[in-house]
Amino acid sequence: MTNDDSEPRVPVVCPECETTSRIELSELADSIARHNEQLHDGEQVAEVDPEVADELANLVADELGLLDDA
């Protein structure tokens, strides 16, 4: 993991472990996969905070013009 304070950190939650952490964007996918593999037998339990994921999806959809009225 790098120590670059300019890289965005994304909130990750694991309801089964009752934990929340902030992971650097560049490490996000690997970190979630590693957590789920090591602690949950590969089951997709830990994930990006759903509220943040929804907001990001809305921002991307807006940027791509998917939310424009036809």
N, C-alpha and C. Protein backbone atom coordinates (compact mmCIF):
# COMPACT_ATOMS: atom_id res chain seq x y z
N MET A 1 0.84 -1.17 0.00
CA MET A 1 0.00 0.00 0.00
C MET A 1 0.89 1.23 0.00
N THR A 2 0.52 2.22 -0.80
CA THR A 2 1.30 3.45 -0.86
C THR A 2 0.91 4.38 0.27
N ASN A 3 1.73 5.36 0.49
CA ASN A 3 1.45 6.33 1.54
C ASN A 3 1.19 7.70 0.93
N ASP A 4 0.53 7.73 -0.23
CA ASP A 4 0.24 8.95 -0.96
C ASP A 4 -1.09 9.52 -0.50
N ASP A 5 -1.04 10.63 0.23
CA ASP A 5 -2.26 11.22 0.79
C ASP A 5 -3.19 11.80 -0.27
N SER A 6 -2.71 11.95 -1.52
CA SER A 6 -3.55 12.52 -2.56
C SER A 6 -4.46 11.49 -3.22
N GLU A 7 -4.23 10.21 -2.97
CA GLU A 7 -5.06 9.18 -3.57
C GLU A 7 -6.38 9.06 -2.80
N PRO A 8 -7.50 9.01 -3.52
CA PRO A 8 -8.80 8.88 -2.84
C PRO A 8 -8.90 7.58 -2.06
N ARG A 9 -9.57 7.66 -0.93
CA ARG A 9 -9.83 6.47 -0.11
C ARG A 9 -11.33 6.24 -0.11
N VAL A 10 -11.70 4.99 -0.28
CA VAL A 10 -13.10 4.61 -0.44
C VAL A 10 -13.55 3.84 0.80
N PRO A 11 -14.72 4.18 1.37
CA PRO A 11 -15.21 3.45 2.53
C PRO A 11 -15.69 2.05 2.12
N VAL A 12 -15.23 1.06 2.89
CA VAL A 12 -15.60 -0.34 2.68
C VAL A 12 -16.23 -0.84 3.97
N VAL A 13 -17.34 -1.54 3.84
CA VAL A 13 -18.03 -2.08 5.01
C VAL A 13 -18.12 -3.60 4.92
N CYS A 14 -18.07 -4.22 6.08
CA CYS A 14 -18.30 -5.65 6.18
C CYS A 14 -19.29 -5.86 7.30
N PRO A 15 -20.56 -6.05 6.95
CA PRO A 15 -21.57 -6.20 8.00
C PRO A 15 -21.35 -7.44 8.87
N GLU A 16 -20.80 -8.49 8.31
CA GLU A 16 -20.58 -9.71 9.09
C GLU A 16 -19.49 -9.51 10.14
N CYS A 17 -18.43 -8.80 9.78
CA CYS A 17 -17.34 -8.50 10.72
C CYS A 17 -17.64 -7.27 11.56
N GLU A 18 -18.68 -6.53 11.17
CA GLU A 18 -19.04 -5.27 11.82
C GLU A 18 -17.87 -4.29 11.77
N THR A 19 -17.24 -4.18 10.58
CA THR A 19 -16.12 -3.27 10.41
C THR A 19 -16.36 -2.31 9.25
N THR A 20 -15.72 -1.17 9.35
CA THR A 20 -15.69 -0.18 8.28
C THR A 20 -14.25 0.28 8.17
N SER A 21 -13.78 0.42 6.93
CA SER A 21 -12.43 0.93 6.72
C SER A 21 -12.43 1.80 5.48
N ARG A 22 -11.34 2.54 5.30
CA ARG A 22 -11.18 3.37 4.11
C ARG A 22 -9.94 2.86 3.38
N ILE A 23 -10.15 2.44 2.13
CA ILE A 23 -9.11 1.80 1.34
C ILE A 23 -8.75 2.70 0.16
N GLU A 24 -7.46 2.80 -0.13
CA GLU A 24 -7.03 3.58 -1.29
C GLU A 24 -7.64 2.98 -2.55
N LEU A 25 -8.05 3.85 -3.45
CA LEU A 25 -8.73 3.43 -4.67
C LEU A 25 -7.92 2.39 -5.44
N SER A 26 -6.61 2.56 -5.53
CA SER A 26 -5.78 1.64 -6.29
C SER A 26 -5.72 0.24 -5.66
N GLU A 27 -6.04 0.13 -4.38
CA GLU A 27 -5.99 -1.14 -3.66
C GLU A 27 -7.38 -1.73 -3.42
N LEU A 28 -8.42 -1.03 -3.84
CA LEU A 28 -9.78 -1.36 -3.46
C LEU A 28 -10.21 -2.78 -3.84
N ALA A 29 -10.14 -3.11 -5.10
CA ALA A 29 -10.62 -4.43 -5.56
C ALA A 29 -9.85 -5.56 -4.91
N ASP A 30 -8.52 -5.44 -4.87
CA ASP A 30 -7.70 -6.50 -4.26
C ASP A 30 -7.98 -6.63 -2.77
N SER A 31 -8.14 -5.50 -2.09
CA SER A 31 -8.37 -5.53 -0.66
C SER A 31 -9.70 -6.19 -0.30
N ILE A 32 -10.75 -5.85 -1.04
CA ILE A 32 -12.06 -6.45 -0.80
C ILE A 32 -12.01 -7.95 -1.10
N ALA A 33 -11.41 -8.31 -2.23
CA ALA A 33 -11.31 -9.73 -2.60
C ALA A 33 -10.53 -10.51 -1.55
N ARG A 34 -9.42 -9.95 -1.08
CA ARG A 34 -8.59 -10.63 -0.08
C ARG A 34 -9.36 -10.80 1.23
N HIS A 35 -10.04 -9.77 1.66
CA HIS A 35 -10.84 -9.85 2.89
C HIS A 35 -11.89 -10.95 2.77
N ASN A 36 -12.64 -10.92 1.67
CA ASN A 36 -13.71 -11.91 1.49
C ASN A 36 -13.15 -13.33 1.38
N GLU A 37 -12.02 -13.48 0.72
CA GLU A 37 -11.42 -14.81 0.57
C GLU A 37 -10.92 -15.33 1.92
N GLN A 38 -10.22 -14.50 2.66
CA GLN A 38 -9.63 -14.92 3.92
C GLN A 38 -10.64 -15.11 5.04
N LEU A 39 -11.67 -14.27 5.08
CA LEU A 39 -12.58 -14.29 6.22
C LEU A 39 -13.96 -14.86 5.93
N HIS A 40 -14.32 -14.95 4.65
CA HIS A 40 -15.68 -15.36 4.32
C HIS A 40 -15.72 -16.43 3.23
N ASP A 41 -14.64 -17.19 3.10
CA ASP A 41 -14.55 -18.28 2.12
C ASP A 41 -14.93 -17.83 0.71
N GLY A 42 -14.57 -16.60 0.37
CA GLY A 42 -14.82 -16.07 -0.96
C GLY A 42 -16.20 -15.49 -1.19
N GLU A 43 -17.08 -15.64 -0.22
CA GLU A 43 -18.43 -15.06 -0.34
C GLU A 43 -18.32 -13.53 -0.35
N GLN A 44 -19.09 -12.87 -1.20
CA GLN A 44 -19.04 -11.42 -1.34
C GLN A 44 -19.77 -10.74 -0.18
N VAL A 45 -19.07 -10.57 0.93
CA VAL A 45 -19.65 -9.95 2.12
C VAL A 45 -19.20 -8.49 2.25
N ALA A 46 -17.89 -8.27 2.29
CA ALA A 46 -17.36 -6.91 2.35
C ALA A 46 -17.58 -6.25 1.00
N GLU A 47 -17.88 -4.95 1.02
CA GLU A 47 -18.14 -4.22 -0.21
C GLU A 47 -17.95 -2.73 0.02
N VAL A 48 -17.89 -2.00 -1.09
CA VAL A 48 -17.88 -0.54 -0.99
C VAL A 48 -19.18 -0.14 -0.30
N ASP A 49 -19.08 0.82 0.60
CA ASP A 49 -20.27 1.31 1.31
C ASP A 49 -21.39 1.53 0.29
N PRO A 50 -22.54 0.86 0.45
CA PRO A 50 -23.62 0.95 -0.54
C PRO A 50 -24.08 2.38 -0.83
N GLU A 51 -24.09 3.25 0.15
CA GLU A 51 -24.49 4.64 -0.09
C GLU A 51 -23.50 5.34 -1.02
N VAL A 52 -22.22 5.08 -0.81
CA VAL A 52 -21.19 5.66 -1.66
C VAL A 52 -21.27 5.07 -3.06
N ALA A 53 -21.46 3.76 -3.15
CA ALA A 53 -21.56 3.10 -4.45
C ALA A 53 -22.73 3.66 -5.25
N ASP A 54 -23.87 3.87 -4.60
CA ASP A 54 -25.04 4.43 -5.28
C ASP A 54 -24.75 5.85 -5.78
N GLU A 55 -24.11 6.64 -4.94
CA GLU A 55 -23.79 8.02 -5.33
C GLU A 55 -22.82 8.03 -6.51
N LEU A 56 -21.81 7.17 -6.47
CA LEU A 56 -20.87 7.09 -7.59
C LEU A 56 -21.57 6.65 -8.87
N ALA A 57 -22.47 5.68 -8.76
CA ALA A 57 -23.21 5.23 -9.94
C ALA A 57 -24.04 6.37 -10.52
N ASN A 58 -24.66 7.17 -9.66
CA ASN A 58 -25.44 8.32 -10.14
C ASN A 58 -24.56 9.36 -10.82
N LEU A 59 -23.39 9.62 -10.25
CA LEU A 59 -22.47 10.58 -10.86
C LEU A 59 -21.99 10.12 -12.23
N VAL A 60 -21.66 8.84 -12.34
CA VAL A 60 -21.21 8.28 -13.61
C VAL A 60 -22.34 8.33 -14.63
N ALA A 61 -23.53 7.92 -14.23
CA ALA A 61 -24.68 7.94 -15.14
C ALA A 61 -24.96 9.36 -15.62
N ASP A 62 -24.87 10.32 -14.71
CA ASP A 62 -25.09 11.71 -15.08
C ASP A 62 -24.02 12.18 -16.06
N GLU A 63 -22.77 11.85 -15.78
CA GLU A 63 -21.65 12.25 -16.64
C GLU A 63 -21.79 11.64 -18.04
N LEU A 64 -22.30 10.43 -18.12
CA LEU A 64 -22.48 9.76 -19.41
C LEU A 64 -23.77 10.18 -20.11
N GLY A 65 -24.58 11.01 -19.43
CA GLY A 65 -25.83 11.46 -20.03
C GLY A 65 -26.94 10.45 -19.96
N LEU A 66 -26.79 9.44 -19.13
CA LEU A 66 -27.81 8.40 -19.02
C LEU A 66 -29.05 8.86 -18.28
N LEU A 67 -28.94 9.95 -17.55
CA LEU A 67 -30.09 10.44 -16.78
C LEU A 67 -30.80 11.59 -17.47
N ASP A 68 -30.29 11.98 -18.65
CA ASP A 68 -30.93 13.07 -19.39
C ASP A 68 -32.30 12.65 -19.86
N ASP A 69 -33.24 13.60 -19.84
CA ASP A 69 -34.58 13.34 -20.37
C ASP A 69 -34.49 13.25 -21.88
N ALA A 70 -35.16 12.24 -22.42
CA ALA A 70 -35.11 12.04 -23.88
C ALA A 70 -36.16 12.85 -24.56
